[in-house]
């Protein structure tokens, strides 16, 4: 099985994926797929950032909420706060981000 549809998103199960003439190894674990649309958005953000700056720093945050929230308000507040902090402390204007939500 290569692709399945789940929650209106396509899961991809191959070991490698080619995007922009570049072959990427998928590190998702045996039998676990990835969502192509989310991965494409992340790669697009990296490509945009690399076209502006030749050196990039990528930081991953794992946020855990105590209770389920039906909307993304907490995430957007966090992103806004961290972007303001980076802008203020590092004088950066172009700050990209990508995020995903586990359910």
PDB file of N, CA and C in Angstrom:
ATOM      1  N   UNK A   1       0.845  -1.176   0.000  1.00  0.00           N
ATOM      2  CA  UNK A   1       0.000   0.000   0.000  1.00  0.00           C
ATOM      3  C   UNK A   1       0.891   1.239   0.000  1.00  0.00           C
ATOM      4  N   UNK A   2       0.639   2.135  -0.923  1.00  0.00           N
ATOM      5  CA  UNK A   2       1.448   3.338  -1.034  1.00  0.00           C
ATOM      6  C   UNK A   2       0.721   4.548  -0.483  1.00  0.00           C
ATOM      7  N   UNK A   3      -0.530   4.707  -0.851  1.00  0.00           N
ATOM      8  CA  UNK A   3      -1.275   5.879  -0.394  1.00  0.00           C
ATOM      9  C   UNK A   3      -2.628   5.440   0.144  1.00  0.00           C
ATOM     10  N   UNK A   4      -3.075   6.095   1.182  1.00  0.00           N
ATOM     11  CA  UNK A   4      -4.436   5.912   1.673  1.00  0.00           C
ATOM     12  C   UNK A   4      -5.005   7.283   1.969  1.00  0.00           C
ATOM     13  N   UNK A   5      -6.315   7.371   1.978  1.00  0.00           N
ATOM     14  CA  UNK A   5      -6.973   8.631   2.320  1.00  0.00           C
ATOM     15  C   UNK A   5      -7.500   8.506   3.744  1.00  0.00           C
ATOM     16  N   UNK A   6      -7.139   9.476   4.579  1.00  0.00           N
ATOM     17  CA  UNK A   6      -7.596   9.497   5.962  1.00  0.00           C
ATOM     18  C   UNK A   6      -7.846  10.950   6.336  1.00  0.00           C
ATOM     19  N   UNK A   7      -9.021  11.239   6.801  1.00  0.00           N
ATOM     20  CA  UNK A   7      -9.373  12.611   7.178  1.00  0.00           C
ATOM     21  C   UNK A   7      -9.122  13.600   6.039  1.00  0.00           C
ATOM     22  N   UNK A   8      -9.456  13.214   4.820  1.00  0.00           N
ATOM     23  CA  UNK A   8      -9.310  14.054   3.627  1.00  0.00           C
ATOM     24  C   UNK A   8      -7.864  14.443   3.338  1.00  0.00           C
ATOM     25  N   UNK A   9      -6.900  13.774   3.952  1.00  0.00           N
ATOM     26  CA  UNK A   9      -5.490  14.022   3.681  1.00  0.00           C
ATOM     27  C   UNK A   9      -4.878  12.739   3.132  1.00  0.00           C
ATOM     28  N   UNK A  10      -3.934  12.877   2.216  1.00  0.00           N
ATOM     29  CA  UNK A  10      -3.290  11.707   1.638  1.00  0.00           C
ATOM     30  C   UNK A  10      -2.087  11.321   2.480  1.00  0.00           C
ATOM     31  N   UNK A  11      -2.061  10.076   2.921  1.00  0.00           N
ATOM     32  CA  UNK A  11      -0.895   9.555   3.627  1.00  0.00           C
ATOM     33  C   UNK A  11       0.017   8.873   2.622  1.00  0.00           C
ATOM     34  N   UNK A  12       1.299   9.083   2.771  1.00  0.00           N
ATOM     35  CA  UNK A  12       2.306   8.568   1.854  1.00  0.00           C
ATOM     36  C   UNK A  12       3.188   7.602   2.629  1.00  0.00           C
ATOM     37  N   UNK A  13       3.406   6.388   2.080  1.00  0.00           N
ATOM     38  CA  UNK A  13       4.100   5.340   2.827  1.00  0.00           C
ATOM     39  C   UNK A  13       5.435   4.920   2.233  1.00  0.00           C
ATOM     40  N   UNK A  14       5.875   5.522   1.150  1.00  0.00           N
ATOM     41  CA  UNK A  14       7.150   5.115   0.550  1.00  0.00           C
ATOM     42  C   UNK A  14       8.322   5.582   1.408  1.00  0.00           C
ATOM     43  N   UNK A  15       9.482   4.951   1.177  1.00  0.00           N
ATOM     44  CA  UNK A  15      10.677   5.281   1.956  1.00  0.00           C
ATOM     45  C   UNK A  15      11.339   6.575   1.478  1.00  0.00           C
ATOM     46  N   UNK A  16      11.174   6.889   0.185  1.00  0.00           N
ATOM     47  CA  UNK A  16      11.773   8.091  -0.388  1.00  0.00           C
ATOM     48  C   UNK A  16      10.706   8.915  -1.098  1.00  0.00           C
ATOM     49  N   UNK A  17      10.949  10.210  -1.180  1.00  0.00           N
ATOM     50  CA  UNK A  17      10.040  11.130  -1.843  1.00  0.00           C
ATOM     51  C   UNK A  17      10.878  12.117  -2.641  1.00  0.00           C
ATOM     52  N   UNK A  18      10.476  12.409  -3.864  1.00  0.00           N
ATOM     53  CA  UNK A  18      11.199  13.384  -4.666  1.00  0.00           C
ATOM     54  C   UNK A  18      10.399  14.681  -4.737  1.00  0.00           C
ATOM     55  N   UNK A  19      11.039  15.759  -4.295  1.00  0.00           N
ATOM     56  CA  UNK A  19      10.441  17.094  -4.325  1.00  0.00           C
ATOM     57  C   UNK A  19      11.488  18.050  -4.874  1.00  0.00           C
ATOM     58  N   UNK A  20      11.119  18.847  -5.861  1.00  0.00           N
ATOM     59  CA  UNK A  20      12.024  19.831  -6.467  1.00  0.00           C
ATOM     60  C   UNK A  20      13.323  19.186  -6.948  1.00  0.00           C
ATOM     61  N   UNK A  21      13.217  18.043  -7.621  1.00  0.00           N
ATOM     62  CA  UNK A  21      14.381  17.306  -8.134  1.00  0.00           C
ATOM     63  C   UNK A  21      15.349  16.884  -7.036  1.00  0.00           C
ATOM     64  N   UNK A  22      14.873  16.734  -5.849  1.00  0.00           N
ATOM     65  CA  UNK A  22      15.692  16.316  -4.716  1.00  0.00           C
ATOM     66  C   UNK A  22      15.028  15.105  -4.068  1.00  0.00           C
ATOM     67  N   UNK A  23      15.820  14.054  -3.851  1.00  0.00           N
ATOM     68  CA  UNK A  23      15.270  12.849  -3.247  1.00  0.00           C
ATOM     69  C   UNK A  23      15.457  12.916  -1.732  1.00  0.00           C
ATOM     70  N   UNK A  24      14.346  12.786  -1.011  1.00  0.00           N
ATOM     71  CA  UNK A  24      14.353  12.886   0.447  1.00  0.00           C
ATOM     72  C   UNK A  24      13.999  11.543   1.063  1.00  0.00           C
ATOM     73  N   UNK A  25      14.755  11.139   2.075  1.00  0.00           N
ATOM     74  CA  UNK A  25      14.440   9.910   2.804  1.00  0.00           C
ATOM     75  C   UNK A  25      13.396  10.243   3.859  1.00  0.00           C
ATOM     76  N   UNK A  26      12.352   9.453   3.903  1.00  0.00           N
ATOM     77  CA  UNK A  26      11.263   9.673   4.850  1.00  0.00           C
ATOM     78  C   UNK A  26      11.548   8.881   6.119  1.00  0.00           C
ATOM     79  N   UNK A  27      11.563   9.552   7.243  1.00  0.00           N
ATOM     80  CA  UNK A  27      11.872   8.938   8.525  1.00  0.00           C
ATOM     81  C   UNK A  27      10.596   8.880   9.361  1.00  0.00           C
ATOM     82  N   UNK A  28       9.672   8.018   8.965  1.00  0.00           N
ATOM     83  CA  UNK A  28       8.383   7.965   9.652  1.00  0.00           C
ATOM     84  C   UNK A  28       8.166   6.651  10.388  1.00  0.00           C
ATOM     85  N   UNK A  29       9.011   5.672  10.188  1.00  0.00           N
ATOM     86  CA  UNK A  29       8.806   4.378  10.824  1.00  0.00           C
ATOM     87  C   UNK A  29       8.019   3.442   9.922  1.00  0.00           C
ATOM     88  N   UNK A  30       8.209   2.164  10.138  1.00  0.00           N
ATOM     89  CA  UNK A  30       7.562   1.143   9.311  1.00  0.00           C
ATOM     90  C   UNK A  30       6.049   1.196   9.494  1.00  0.00           C
ATOM     91  N   UNK A  31       5.329   1.275   8.386  1.00  0.00           N
ATOM     92  CA  UNK A  31       3.873   1.279   8.422  1.00  0.00           C
ATOM     93  C   UNK A  31       3.245   2.598   8.821  1.00  0.00           C
ATOM     94  N   UNK A  32       4.067   3.607   9.068  1.00  0.00           N
ATOM     95  CA  UNK A  32       3.544   4.924   9.433  1.00  0.00           C
ATOM     96  C   UNK A  32       3.756   5.864   8.262  1.00  0.00           C
ATOM     97  N   UNK A  33       2.718   6.511   7.843  1.00  0.00           N
ATOM     98  CA  UNK A  33       2.812   7.402   6.701  1.00  0.00           C
ATOM     99  C   UNK A  33       3.013   8.845   7.112  1.00  0.00           C
ATOM    100  N   UNK A  34       3.209   9.670   6.111  1.00  0.00           N
ATOM    101  CA  UNK A  34       3.325  11.112   6.322  1.00  0.00           C
ATOM    102  C   UNK A  34       2.231  11.790   5.503  1.00  0.00           C
ATOM    103  N   UNK A  35       1.895  13.002   5.880  1.00  0.00           N
ATOM    104  CA  UNK A  35       0.938  13.791   5.117  1.00  0.00           C
ATOM    105  C   UNK A  35       1.715  14.654   4.127  1.00  0.00           C
ATOM    106  N   UNK A  36       1.532  14.374   2.850  1.00  0.00           N
ATOM    107  CA  UNK A  36       2.290  15.075   1.814  1.00  0.00           C
ATOM    108  C   UNK A  36       2.038  16.572   1.809  1.00  0.00           C
ATOM    109  N   UNK A  37       0.790  16.990   2.011  1.00  0.00           N
ATOM    110  CA  UNK A  37       0.505  18.431   1.949  1.00  0.00           C
ATOM    111  C   UNK A  37       1.227  19.190   3.063  1.00  0.00           C
ATOM    112  N   UNK A  38       1.352  18.597   4.237  1.00  0.00           N
ATOM    113  CA  UNK A  38       2.062  19.255   5.341  1.00  0.00           C
ATOM    114  C   UNK A  38       3.556  19.302   5.047  1.00  0.00           C
ATOM    115  N   UNK A  39       4.127  18.178   4.582  1.00  0.00           N
ATOM    116  CA  UNK A  39       5.550  18.142   4.253  1.00  0.00           C
ATOM    117  C   UNK A  39       5.879  19.134   3.143  1.00  0.00           C
ATOM    118  N   UNK A  40       5.021  19.238   2.144  1.00  0.00           N
ATOM    119  CA  UNK A  40       5.251  20.204   1.065  1.00  0.00           C
ATOM    120  C   UNK A  40       5.259  21.635   1.584  1.00  0.00           C
ATOM    121  N   UNK A  41       4.399  21.946   2.536  1.00  0.00           N
ATOM    122  CA  UNK A  41       4.369  23.303   3.112  1.00  0.00           C
ATOM    123  C   UNK A  41       5.653  23.607   3.884  1.00  0.00           C
ATOM    124  N   UNK A  42       6.141  22.628   4.632  1.00  0.00           N
ATOM    125  CA  UNK A  42       7.384  22.816   5.390  1.00  0.00           C
ATOM    126  C   UNK A  42       8.546  23.038   4.422  1.00  0.00           C
ATOM    127  N   UNK A  43       8.646  22.212   3.400  1.00  0.00           N
ATOM    128  CA  UNK A  43       9.727  22.349   2.422  1.00  0.00           C
ATOM    129  C   UNK A  43       9.612  23.675   1.681  1.00  0.00           C
ATOM    130  N   UNK A  44       8.404  24.106   1.369  1.00  0.00           N
ATOM    131  CA  UNK A  44       8.200  25.400   0.719  1.00  0.00           C
ATOM    132  C   UNK A  44       8.706  26.540   1.603  1.00  0.00           C
ATOM    133  N   UNK A  45       8.416  26.489   2.897  1.00  0.00           N
ATOM    134  CA  UNK A  45       8.909  27.517   3.823  1.00  0.00           C
ATOM    135  C   UNK A  45      10.440  27.532   3.858  1.00  0.00           C
ATOM    136  N   UNK A  46      11.053  26.345   3.881  1.00  0.00           N
ATOM    137  CA  UNK A  46      12.517  26.270   3.886  1.00  0.00           C
ATOM    138  C   UNK A  46      13.102  26.828   2.591  1.00  0.00           C
ATOM    139  N   UNK A  47      12.479  26.516   1.460  1.00  0.00           N
ATOM    140  CA  UNK A  47      12.958  27.043   0.181  1.00  0.00           C
ATOM    141  C   UNK A  47      12.861  28.563   0.130  1.00  0.00           C
ATOM    142  N   UNK A  48      11.761  29.108   0.619  1.00  0.00           N
ATOM    143  CA  UNK A  48      11.598  30.565   0.657  1.00  0.00           C
ATOM    144  C   UNK A  48      12.667  31.187   1.550  1.00  0.00           C
ATOM    145  N   UNK A  49      12.871  30.614   2.720  1.00  0.00           N
ATOM    146  CA  UNK A  49      13.875  31.142   3.648  1.00  0.00           C
ATOM    147  C   UNK A  49      15.271  31.062   3.042  1.00  0.00           C
ATOM    148  N   UNK A  50      15.573  29.950   2.378  1.00  0.00           N
ATOM    149  CA  UNK A  50      16.900  29.790   1.784  1.00  0.00           C
ATOM    150  C   UNK A  50      17.120  30.758   0.627  1.00  0.00           C
ATOM    151  N   UNK A  51      16.064  31.146  -0.063  1.00  0.00           N
ATOM    152  CA  UNK A  51      16.223  32.116  -1.150  1.00  0.00           C
ATOM    153  C   UNK A  51      16.551  33.509  -0.607  1.00  0.00           C
ATOM    154  N   UNK A  52      16.198  33.765   0.654  1.00  0.00           N
ATOM    155  CA  UNK A  52      16.479  35.056   1.286  1.00  0.00           C
ATOM    156  C   UNK A  52      17.805  35.018   2.040  1.00  0.00           C
ATOM    157  N   UNK A  53      18.012  33.961   2.799  1.00  0.00           N
ATOM    158  CA  UNK A  53      19.203  33.815   3.645  1.00  0.00           C
ATOM    159  C   UNK A  53      19.896  32.507   3.283  1.00  0.00           C
ATOM    160  N   UNK A  54      21.196  32.525   3.139  1.00  0.00           N
ATOM    161  CA  UNK A  54      21.920  31.307   2.771  1.00  0.00           C
ATOM    162  C   UNK A  54      22.256  30.442   3.988  1.00  0.00           C
ATOM    163  N   UNK A  55      22.104  30.978   5.176  1.00  0.00           N
ATOM    164  CA  UNK A  55      22.280  30.188   6.397  1.00  0.00           C
ATOM    165  C   UNK A  55      20.977  30.242   7.184  1.00  0.00           C
ATOM    166  N   UNK A  56      20.503  29.078   7.589  1.00  0.00           N
ATOM    167  CA  UNK A  56      19.229  28.995   8.296  1.00  0.00           C
ATOM    168  C   UNK A  56      19.408  28.298   9.632  1.00  0.00           C
ATOM    169  N   UNK A  57      18.582  28.674  10.570  1.00  0.00           N
ATOM    170  CA  UNK A  57      18.468  27.967  11.838  1.00  0.00           C
ATOM    171  C   UNK A  57      17.028  27.490  11.937  1.00  0.00           C
ATOM    172  N   UNK A  58      16.864  26.199  12.121  1.00  0.00           N
ATOM    173  CA  UNK A  58      15.534  25.616  12.262  1.00  0.00           C
ATOM    174  C   UNK A  58      15.402  25.133  13.695  1.00  0.00           C
ATOM    175  N   UNK A  59      14.351  25.564  14.366  1.00  0.00           N
ATOM    176  CA  UNK A  59      14.102  25.183  15.755  1.00  0.00           C
ATOM    177  C   UNK A  59      12.763  24.465  15.817  1.00  0.00           C
ATOM    178  N   UNK A  60      12.745  23.356  16.522  1.00  0.00           N
ATOM    179  CA  UNK A  60      11.497  22.602  16.683  1.00  0.00           C
ATOM    180  C   UNK A  60      11.010  22.764  18.117  1.00  0.00           C
ATOM    181  N   UNK A  61       9.750  23.108  18.251  1.00  0.00           N
ATOM    182  CA  UNK A  61       9.099  23.192  19.556  1.00  0.00           C
ATOM    183  C   UNK A  61       8.050  22.091  19.628  1.00  0.00           C
ATOM    184  N   UNK A  62       8.044  21.343  20.702  1.00  0.00           N
ATOM    185  CA  UNK A  62       6.964  20.390  20.967  1.00  0.00           C
ATOM    186  C   UNK A  62       6.139  20.975  22.099  1.00  0.00           C
ATOM    187  N   UNK A  63       4.944  21.395  21.792  1.00  0.00           N
ATOM    188  CA  UNK A  63       4.069  22.005  22.788  1.00  0.00           C
ATOM    189  C   UNK A  63       3.006  21.000  23.204  1.00  0.00           C
ATOM    190  N   UNK A  64       2.752  20.930  24.489  1.00  0.00           N
ATOM    191  CA  UNK A  64       1.753  20.007  25.019  1.00  0.00           C
ATOM    192  C   UNK A  64       0.753  20.798  25.854  1.00  0.00           C
ATOM    193  N   UNK A  65      -0.496  20.734  25.484  1.00  0.00           N
ATOM    194  CA  UNK A  65      -1.552  21.410  26.230  1.00  0.00           C
ATOM    195  C   UNK A  65      -2.170  20.431  27.217  1.00  0.00           C
ATOM    196  N   UNK A  66      -2.564  20.939  28.374  1.00  0.00           N
ATOM    197  CA  UNK A  66      -3.173  20.069  29.385  1.00  0.00           C
ATOM    198  C   UNK A  66      -4.516  19.527  28.932  1.00  0.00           C
ATOM    199  N   UNK A  67      -5.277  20.371  28.256  1.00  0.00           N
ATOM    200  CA  UNK A  67      -6.622  19.991  27.834  1.00  0.00           C
ATOM    201  C   UNK A  67      -6.776  20.181  26.334  1.00  0.00           C
ATOM    202  N   UNK A  68      -7.696  19.430  25.762  1.00  0.00           N
ATOM    203  CA  UNK A  68      -8.010  19.558  24.343  1.00  0.00           C
ATOM    204  C   UNK A  68      -8.601  20.941  24.072  1.00  0.00           C
ATOM    205  N   UNK A  69      -8.193  21.536  22.953  1.00  0.00           N
ATOM    206  CA  UNK A  69      -8.786  22.800  22.521  1.00  0.00           C
ATOM    207  C   UNK A  69      -9.349  22.608  21.115  1.00  0.00           C
ATOM    208  N   UNK A  70     -10.569  23.039  20.873  1.00  0.00           N
ATOM    209  CA  UNK A  70     -11.190  22.810  19.567  1.00  0.00           C
ATOM    210  C   UNK A  70     -10.669  23.731  18.466  1.00  0.00           C
ATOM    211  N   UNK A  71      -9.903  24.761  18.837  1.00  0.00           N
ATOM    212  CA  UNK A  71      -9.391  25.678  17.819  1.00  0.00           C
ATOM    213  C   UNK A  71      -7.881  25.842  17.998  1.00  0.00           C
ATOM    214  N   UNK A  72      -7.288  26.682  17.179  1.00  0.00           N
ATOM    215  CA  UNK A  72      -5.833  26.847  17.170  1.00  0.00           C
ATOM    216  C   UNK A  72      -5.378  28.158  17.808  1.00  0.00           C
ATOM    217  N   UNK A  73      -6.207  28.742  18.643  1.00  0.00           N
ATOM    218  CA  UNK A  73      -5.902  30.042  19.243  1.00  0.00           C
ATOM    219  C   UNK A  73      -4.603  30.016  20.038  1.00  0.00           C
ATOM    220  N   UNK A  74      -4.389  28.993  20.836  1.00  0.00           N
ATOM    221  CA  UNK A  74      -3.171  28.911  21.654  1.00  0.00           C
ATOM    222  C   UNK A  74      -1.930  28.844  20.766  1.00  0.00           C
ATOM    223  N   UNK A  75      -2.013  28.111  19.689  1.00  0.00           N
ATOM    224  CA  UNK A  75      -0.874  27.989  18.773  1.00  0.00           C
ATOM    225  C   UNK A  75      -0.565  29.316  18.109  1.00  0.00           C
ATOM    226  N   UNK A  76      -1.598  30.003  17.643  1.00  0.00           N
ATOM    227  CA  UNK A  76      -1.375  31.287  16.992  1.00  0.00           C
ATOM    228  C   UNK A  76      -0.834  32.326  17.981  1.00  0.00           C
ATOM    229  N   UNK A  77      -1.279  32.275  19.230  1.00  0.00           N
ATOM    230  CA  UNK A  77      -0.739  33.178  20.255  1.00  0.00           C
ATOM    231  C   UNK A  77       0.742  32.896  20.485  1.00  0.00           C
ATOM    232  N   UNK A  78       1.098  31.607  20.559  1.00  0.00           N
ATOM    233  CA  UNK A  78       2.496  31.230  20.753  1.00  0.00           C
ATOM    234  C   UNK A  78       3.351  31.714  19.583  1.00  0.00           C
ATOM    235  N   UNK A  79       2.896  31.484  18.359  1.00  0.00           N
ATOM    236  CA  UNK A  79       3.659  31.897  17.177  1.00  0.00           C
ATOM    237  C   UNK A  79       3.837  33.411  17.155  1.00  0.00           C
ATOM    238  N   UNK A  80       2.778  34.144  17.451  1.00  0.00           N
ATOM    239  CA  UNK A  80       2.862  35.606  17.474  1.00  0.00           C
ATOM    240  C   UNK A  80       3.868  36.071  18.522  1.00  0.00           C
ATOM    241  N   UNK A  81       3.818  35.477  19.699  1.00  0.00           N
ATOM    242  CA  UNK A  81       4.727  35.854  20.784  1.00  0.00           C
ATOM    243  C   UNK A  81       6.174  35.555  20.428  1.00  0.00           C
ATOM    244  N   UNK A  82       6.444  34.371  19.902  1.00  0.00           N
ATOM    245  CA  UNK A  82       7.825  33.999  19.591  1.00  0.00           C
ATOM    246  C   UNK A  82       8.372  34.833  18.436  1.00  0.00           C
ATOM    247  N   UNK A  83       7.526  35.168  17.455  1.00  0.00           N
ATOM    248  CA  UNK A  83       7.975  36.023  16.358  1.00  0.00           C
ATOM    249  C   UNK A  83       8.304  37.431  16.854  1.00  0.00           C
ATOM    250  N   UNK A  84       7.485  37.958  17.760  1.00  0.00           N
ATOM    251  CA  UNK A  84       7.766  39.279  18.333  1.00  0.00           C
ATOM    252  C   UNK A  84       9.071  39.253  19.120  1.00  0.00           C
ATOM    253  N   UNK A  85       9.306  38.191  19.876  1.00  0.00           N
ATOM    254  CA  UNK A  85      10.527  38.075  20.680  1.00  0.00           C
ATOM    255  C   UNK A  85      11.753  38.010  19.773  1.00  0.00           C
ATOM    256  N   UNK A  86      11.688  37.204  18.720  1.00  0.00           N
ATOM    257  CA  UNK A  86      12.814  37.089  17.787  1.00  0.00           C
ATOM    258  C   UNK A  86      13.059  38.423  17.092  1.00  0.00           C
ATOM    259  N   UNK A  87      12.007  39.082  16.652  1.00  0.00           N
ATOM    260  CA  UNK A  87      12.147  40.384  15.986  1.00  0.00           C
ATOM    261  C   UNK A  87      12.785  41.414  16.903  1.00  0.00           C
ATOM    262  N   UNK A  88      12.347  41.437  18.143  1.00  0.00           N
ATOM    263  CA  UNK A  88      12.854  42.413  19.106  1.00  0.00           C
ATOM    264  C   UNK A  88      14.311  42.130  19.479  1.00  0.00           C
ATOM    265  N   UNK A  89      14.660  40.869  19.699  1.00  0.00           N
ATOM    266  CA  UNK A  89      15.992  40.529  20.191  1.00  0.00           C
ATOM    267  C   UNK A  89      17.031  40.323  19.097  1.00  0.00           C
ATOM    268  N   UNK A  90      16.614  39.974  17.905  1.00  0.00           N
ATOM    269  CA  UNK A  90      17.563  39.689  16.835  1.00  0.00           C
ATOM    270  C   UNK A  90      17.376  40.579  15.612  1.00  0.00           C
ATOM    271  N   UNK A  91      16.465  41.531  15.685  1.00  0.00           N
ATOM    272  CA  UNK A  91      16.228  42.487  14.598  1.00  0.00           C
ATOM    273  C   UNK A  91      15.942  41.771  13.274  1.00  0.00           C
ATOM    274  N   UNK A  92      15.176  40.709  13.331  1.00  0.00           N
ATOM    275  CA  UNK A  92      14.815  39.942  12.139  1.00  0.00           C
ATOM    276  C   UNK A  92      13.377  40.259  11.760  1.00  0.00           C
ATOM    277  N   UNK A  93      13.145  40.437  10.472  1.00  0.00           N
ATOM    278  CA  UNK A  93      11.795  40.710   9.990  1.00  0.00           C
ATOM    279  C   UNK A  93      11.173  39.484   9.330  1.00  0.00           C
ATOM    280  N   UNK A  94      11.996  38.720   8.622  1.00  0.00           N
ATOM    281  CA  UNK A  94      11.499  37.568   7.867  1.00  0.00           C
ATOM    282  C   UNK A  94      11.608  36.309   8.714  1.00  0.00           C
ATOM    283  N   UNK A  95      10.509  35.930   9.330  1.00  0.00           N
ATOM    284  CA  UNK A  95      10.474  34.746  10.182  1.00  0.00           C
ATOM    285  C   UNK A  95       9.374  33.835   9.657  1.00  0.00           C
ATOM    286  N   UNK A  96       9.763  32.678   9.189  1.00  0.00           N
ATOM    287  CA  UNK A  96       8.789  31.721   8.672  1.00  0.00           C
ATOM    288  C   UNK A  96       8.528  30.638   9.700  1.00  0.00           C
ATOM    289  N   UNK A  97       7.439  29.942   9.519  1.00  0.00           N
ATOM    290  CA  UNK A  97       7.129  28.837  10.424  1.00  0.00           C
ATOM    291  C   UNK A  97       6.214  27.845   9.731  1.00  0.00           C
ATOM    292  N   UNK A  98       6.230  26.658  10.243  1.00  0.00           N
ATOM    293  CA  UNK A  98       5.296  25.613   9.824  1.00  0.00           C
ATOM    294  C   UNK A  98       4.932  24.851  11.086  1.00  0.00           C
ATOM    295  N   UNK A  99       3.706  24.392  11.155  1.00  0.00           N
ATOM    296  CA  UNK A  99       3.309  23.657  12.350  1.00  0.00           C
ATOM    297  C   UNK A  99       2.269  22.601  12.004  1.00  0.00           C
ATOM    298  N   UNK A 100       2.191  21.623  12.868  1.00  0.00           N
ATOM    299  CA  UNK A 100       1.218  20.549  12.705  1.00  0.00           C
ATOM    300  C   UNK A 100       0.594  20.230  14.047  1.00  0.00           C
ATOM    301  N   UNK A 101      -0.559  19.636  14.006  1.00  0.00           N
ATOM    302  CA  UNK A 101      -1.294  19.339  15.238  1.00  0.00           C
ATOM    303  C   UNK A 101      -1.642  17.863  15.263  1.00  0.00           C
ATOM    304  N   UNK A 102      -1.256  17.197  16.325  1.00  0.00           N
ATOM    305  CA  UNK A 102      -1.641  15.797  16.508  1.00  0.00           C
ATOM    306  C   UNK A 102      -2.980  15.739  17.184  1.00  0.00           C
ATOM    307  N   UNK A 103      -3.729  14.741  16.829  1.00  0.00           N
ATOM    308  CA  UNK A 103      -5.039  14.578  17.466  1.00  0.00           C
ATOM    309  C   UNK A 103      -5.110  13.253  18.142  1.00  0.00           C
TER     310      UNK A 103
END
